[in-house]
C-alpha atoms as a PDB file:
ATOM      1  CA  UNK A   1     105.009 -19.263  19.486  1.00  0.00           C
ATOM      2  CA  UNK A   2     106.034 -16.797  16.798  1.00  0.00           C
ATOM      3  CA  UNK A   3     102.384 -15.905  16.268  1.00  0.00           C
ATOM      4  CA  UNK A   4     102.031 -14.786  19.886  1.00  0.00           C
ATOM      5  CA  UNK A   5     105.245 -12.785  19.566  1.00  0.00           C
ATOM      6  CA  UNK A   6     103.847 -10.949  16.525  1.00  0.00           C
ATOM      7  CA  UNK A   7     100.667 -10.077  18.429  1.00  0.00           C
ATOM      8  CA  UNK A   8     102.688  -8.986  21.468  1.00  0.00           C
ATOM      9  CA  UNK A   9     104.976  -6.701  19.464  1.00  0.00           C
ATOM     10  CA  UNK A  10     101.970  -5.177  17.676  1.00  0.00           C
ATOM     11  CA  UNK A  11     100.244  -4.454  20.979  1.00  0.00           C
ATOM     12  CA  UNK A  12     103.459  -3.045  22.487  1.00  0.00           C
ATOM     13  CA  UNK A  13     103.941  -0.644  19.568  1.00  0.00           C
ATOM     14  CA  UNK A  14     100.350   0.559  19.882  1.00  0.00           C
ATOM     15  CA  UNK A  15     100.970   0.986  23.617  1.00  0.00           C
ATOM     16  CA  UNK A  16     104.029   3.119  22.879  1.00  0.00           C
ATOM     17  CA  UNK A  17     101.820   5.364  20.756  1.00  0.00           C
ATOM     18  CA  UNK A  18      99.296   5.786  23.578  1.00  0.00           C
ATOM     19  CA  UNK A  19     102.099   6.477  26.050  1.00  0.00           C
ATOM     20  CA  UNK A  20     103.491   9.102  23.703  1.00  0.00           C
ATOM     21  CA  UNK A  21     100.197  11.009  23.841  1.00  0.00           C
ATOM     22  CA  UNK A  22     100.879  11.951  27.436  1.00  0.00           C
ATOM     23  CA  UNK A  23     104.646  12.452  27.232  1.00  0.00           C
ATOM     24  CA  UNK A  24     105.236  14.420  24.001  1.00  0.00           C
ATOM     25  CA  UNK A  25     103.922  17.721  22.654  1.00  0.00           C
ATOM     26  CA  UNK A  26     100.599  17.441  20.845  1.00  0.00           C
ATOM     27  CA  UNK A  27     101.634  17.592  17.156  1.00  0.00           C
ATOM     28  CA  UNK A  28     104.508  15.138  17.530  1.00  0.00           C
ATOM     29  CA  UNK A  29     102.352  12.894  19.733  1.00  0.00           C
ATOM     30  CA  UNK A  30      99.621  12.686  17.119  1.00  0.00           C
ATOM     31  CA  UNK A  31     102.172  11.800  14.434  1.00  0.00           C
ATOM     32  CA  UNK A  32     103.648   9.116  16.714  1.00  0.00           C
ATOM     33  CA  UNK A  33     100.172   7.807  17.524  1.00  0.00           C
ATOM     34  CA  UNK A  34      99.216   7.596  13.846  1.00  0.00           C
ATOM     35  CA  UNK A  35     102.450   5.775  13.030  1.00  0.00           C
ATOM     36  CA  UNK A  36     102.161   3.375  15.950  1.00  0.00           C
ATOM     37  CA  UNK A  37      98.550   2.532  15.125  1.00  0.00           C
ATOM     38  CA  UNK A  38      99.536   1.886  11.524  1.00  0.00           C
ATOM     39  CA  UNK A  39     102.584  -0.238  12.343  1.00  0.00           C
ATOM     40  CA  UNK A  40     101.114  -2.031  15.361  1.00  0.00           C
ATOM     41  CA  UNK A  41      97.877  -2.637  13.474  1.00  0.00           C
ATOM     42  CA  UNK A  42      99.881  -4.058  10.579  1.00  0.00           C
ATOM     43  CA  UNK A  43     101.593  -6.504  12.919  1.00  0.00           C
ATOM     44  CA  UNK A  44      98.261  -7.524  14.427  1.00  0.00           C
ATOM     45  CA  UNK A  45      96.823  -8.064  10.944  1.00  0.00           C
ATOM     46  CA  UNK A  46      99.849 -10.213  10.061  1.00  0.00           C
ATOM     47  CA  UNK A  47      99.246 -12.149  13.267  1.00  0.00           C
ATOM     48  CA  UNK A  48      95.646 -12.709  12.205  1.00  0.00           C
ATOM     49  CA  UNK A  49      96.804 -13.913   8.790  1.00  0.00           C
ATOM     50  CA  UNK A  50      99.128 -16.360  10.502  1.00  0.00           C
ATOM     51  CA  UNK A  51      96.185 -18.075  12.213  1.00  0.00           C
ATOM     52  CA  UNK A  52      94.930 -19.507   8.926  1.00  0.00           C
ATOM     53  CA  UNK A  53      98.197 -19.657   6.955  1.00  0.00           C
ATOM     54  CA  UNK A  54     101.174 -19.490   9.308  1.00  0.00           C
ATOM     55  CA  UNK A  55     103.993 -18.563   6.979  1.00  0.00           C
ATOM     56  CA  UNK A  56     102.032 -15.958   5.022  1.00  0.00           C
ATOM     57  CA  UNK A  57     101.489 -13.970   8.198  1.00  0.00           C
ATOM     58  CA  UNK A  58     104.989 -14.546   9.528  1.00  0.00           C
ATOM     59  CA  UNK A  59     106.697 -13.479   6.300  1.00  0.00           C
ATOM     60  CA  UNK A  60     104.399 -10.445   6.072  1.00  0.00           C
ATOM     61  CA  UNK A  61     105.333  -9.463   9.618  1.00  0.00           C
ATOM     62  CA  UNK A  62     108.999  -9.964   8.722  1.00  0.00           C
ATOM     63  CA  UNK A  63     108.738  -7.601   5.769  1.00  0.00           C
ATOM     64  CA  UNK A  64     106.916  -5.072   7.926  1.00  0.00           C
ATOM     65  CA  UNK A  65     109.567  -5.392  10.650  1.00  0.00           C
ATOM     66  CA  UNK A  66     112.354  -4.951   8.095  1.00  0.00           C
ATOM     67  CA  UNK A  67     110.768  -1.770   6.721  1.00  0.00           C
ATOM     68  CA  UNK A  68     110.156  -0.442  10.230  1.00  0.00           C
ATOM     69  CA  UNK A  69     113.699  -1.229  11.357  1.00  0.00           C
ATOM     70  CA  UNK A  70     115.164   0.391   8.254  1.00  0.00           C
ATOM     71  CA  UNK A  71     113.099   3.517   8.789  1.00  0.00           C
ATOM     72  CA  UNK A  72     114.003   3.579  12.471  1.00  0.00           C
ATOM     73  CA  UNK A  73     117.708   3.581  11.660  1.00  0.00           C
ATOM     74  CA  UNK A  74     117.306   7.099  10.288  1.00  0.00           C
ATOM     75  CA  UNK A  75     116.178   8.214  13.753  1.00  0.00           C
ATOM     76  CA  UNK A  76     119.306   6.955  15.532  1.00  0.00           C
ATOM     77  CA  UNK A  77     121.193  10.287  15.270  1.00  0.00           C
ATOM     78  CA  UNK A  78     118.344  11.999  17.127  1.00  0.00           C
ATOM     79  CA  UNK A  79     118.445   9.307  19.811  1.00  0.00           C
ATOM     80  CA  UNK A  80     122.210   9.804  20.148  1.00  0.00           C
ATOM     81  CA  UNK A  81     121.684  13.546  20.563  1.00  0.00           C
ATOM     82  CA  UNK A  82     119.061  12.834  23.219  1.00  0.00           C
ATOM     83  CA  UNK A  83     121.451  10.600  25.155  1.00  0.00           C
ATOM     84  CA  UNK A  84     124.209  13.228  24.982  1.00  0.00           C
ATOM     85  CA  UNK A  85     121.858  15.841  26.393  1.00  0.00           C
ATOM     86  CA  UNK A  86     120.708  17.868  23.402  1.00  0.00           C
ATOM     87  CA  UNK A  87     116.929  17.570  23.251  1.00  0.00           C
ATOM     88  CA  UNK A  88     115.466  19.784  20.521  1.00  0.00           C
ATOM     89  CA  UNK A  89     112.639  17.278  19.868  1.00  0.00           C
ATOM     90  CA  UNK A  90     111.861  16.485  23.503  1.00  0.00           C
ATOM     91  CA  UNK A  91     111.235  12.829  24.363  1.00  0.00           C
ATOM     92  CA  UNK A  92     110.200  11.787  20.866  1.00  0.00           C
ATOM     93  CA  UNK A  93     113.529  10.080  19.942  1.00  0.00           C
ATOM     94  CA  UNK A  94     113.130   7.687  22.877  1.00  0.00           C
ATOM     95  CA  UNK A  95     109.777   6.469  21.621  1.00  0.00           C
ATOM     96  CA  UNK A  96     111.123   6.099  18.092  1.00  0.00           C
ATOM     97  CA  UNK A  97     114.104   4.165  19.435  1.00  0.00           C
ATOM     98  CA  UNK A  98     111.794   1.834  21.364  1.00  0.00           C
ATOM     99  CA  UNK A  99     109.808   1.058  18.206  1.00  0.00           C
ATOM    100  CA  UNK A 100     113.052   0.451  16.299  1.00  0.00           C
ATOM    101  CA  UNK A 101     114.293  -1.967  18.961  1.00  0.00           C
ATOM    102  CA  UNK A 102     110.991  -3.855  18.999  1.00  0.00           C
ATOM    103  CA  UNK A 103     111.076  -4.128  15.215  1.00  0.00           C
ATOM    104  CA  UNK A 104     114.649  -5.437  15.323  1.00  0.00           C
ATOM    105  CA  UNK A 105     113.697  -8.022  17.940  1.00  0.00           C
ATOM    106  CA  UNK A 106     110.762  -9.220  15.870  1.00  0.00           C
ATOM    107  CA  UNK A 107     112.870  -9.327  12.714  1.00  0.00           C
ATOM    108  CA  UNK A 108     115.552 -11.487  14.335  1.00  0.00           C
ATOM    109  CA  UNK A 109     112.909 -13.767  15.814  1.00  0.00           C
ATOM    110  CA  UNK A 110     111.231 -14.210  12.416  1.00  0.00           C
ATOM    111  CA  UNK A 111     114.545 -14.887  10.684  1.00  0.00           C
ATOM    112  CA  UNK A 112     115.331 -17.536  13.298  1.00  0.00           C
ATOM    113  CA  UNK A 113     111.904 -19.137  12.812  1.00  0.00           C
ATOM    114  CA  UNK A 114     112.364 -19.188   9.026  1.00  0.00           C
ATOM    115  CA  UNK A 115     115.775 -20.822   9.387  1.00  0.00           C
ATOM    116  CA  UNK A 116     114.361 -23.394  11.759  1.00  0.00           C
ATOM    117  CA  UNK A 117     111.520 -24.192   9.352  1.00  0.00           C
ATOM    118  CA  UNK A 118     113.966 -24.486   6.455  1.00  0.00           C
ATOM    119  CA  UNK A 119     116.078 -26.985   8.390  1.00  0.00           C
ATOM    120  CA  UNK A 120     112.970 -28.930   9.375  1.00  0.00           C
ATOM    121  CA  UNK A 121     111.840 -29.178   5.754  1.00  0.00           C
ATOM    122  CA  UNK A 122     115.313 -30.221   4.594  1.00  0.00           C
ATOM    123  CA  UNK A 123     115.438 -32.995   7.188  1.00  0.00           C
ATOM    124  CA  UNK A 124     111.914 -34.081   6.332  1.00  0.00           C
ATOM    125  CA  UNK A 125     112.836 -34.299   2.645  1.00  0.00           C
ATOM    126  CA  UNK A 126     116.067 -36.206   3.228  1.00  0.00           C
ATOM    127  CA  UNK A 127     116.051 -37.993   6.606  1.00  0.00           C
ATOM    128  CA  UNK A 128     119.604 -39.389   6.251  1.00  0.00           C
END
């Protein structure tokens, strides 16, 4: 289940990049597209790794989600300005906020899966 979630988040982030091409000015849109292809492609690669070795791909996606979420936190002031009504960067903060939220969702899902696997292994080791 987590594998499908990794693929889905990767595809959604790439989709955000393509959507940004039509909604943002050209230079910012190309930067967003490059970033979304890199990040979304990284998640898809981690999903592919998880087909052969589940936890290698899942942990890799978790590290990638943590880095993406941490980077996205620096964009929160721009998103707050956008919500208030000041929009010097146009719609770009909304797209960055969407990627940050998707990364946070994936990170929490991966942490939950790791905790569940840890409990399963502990119970398997000591059934009493």
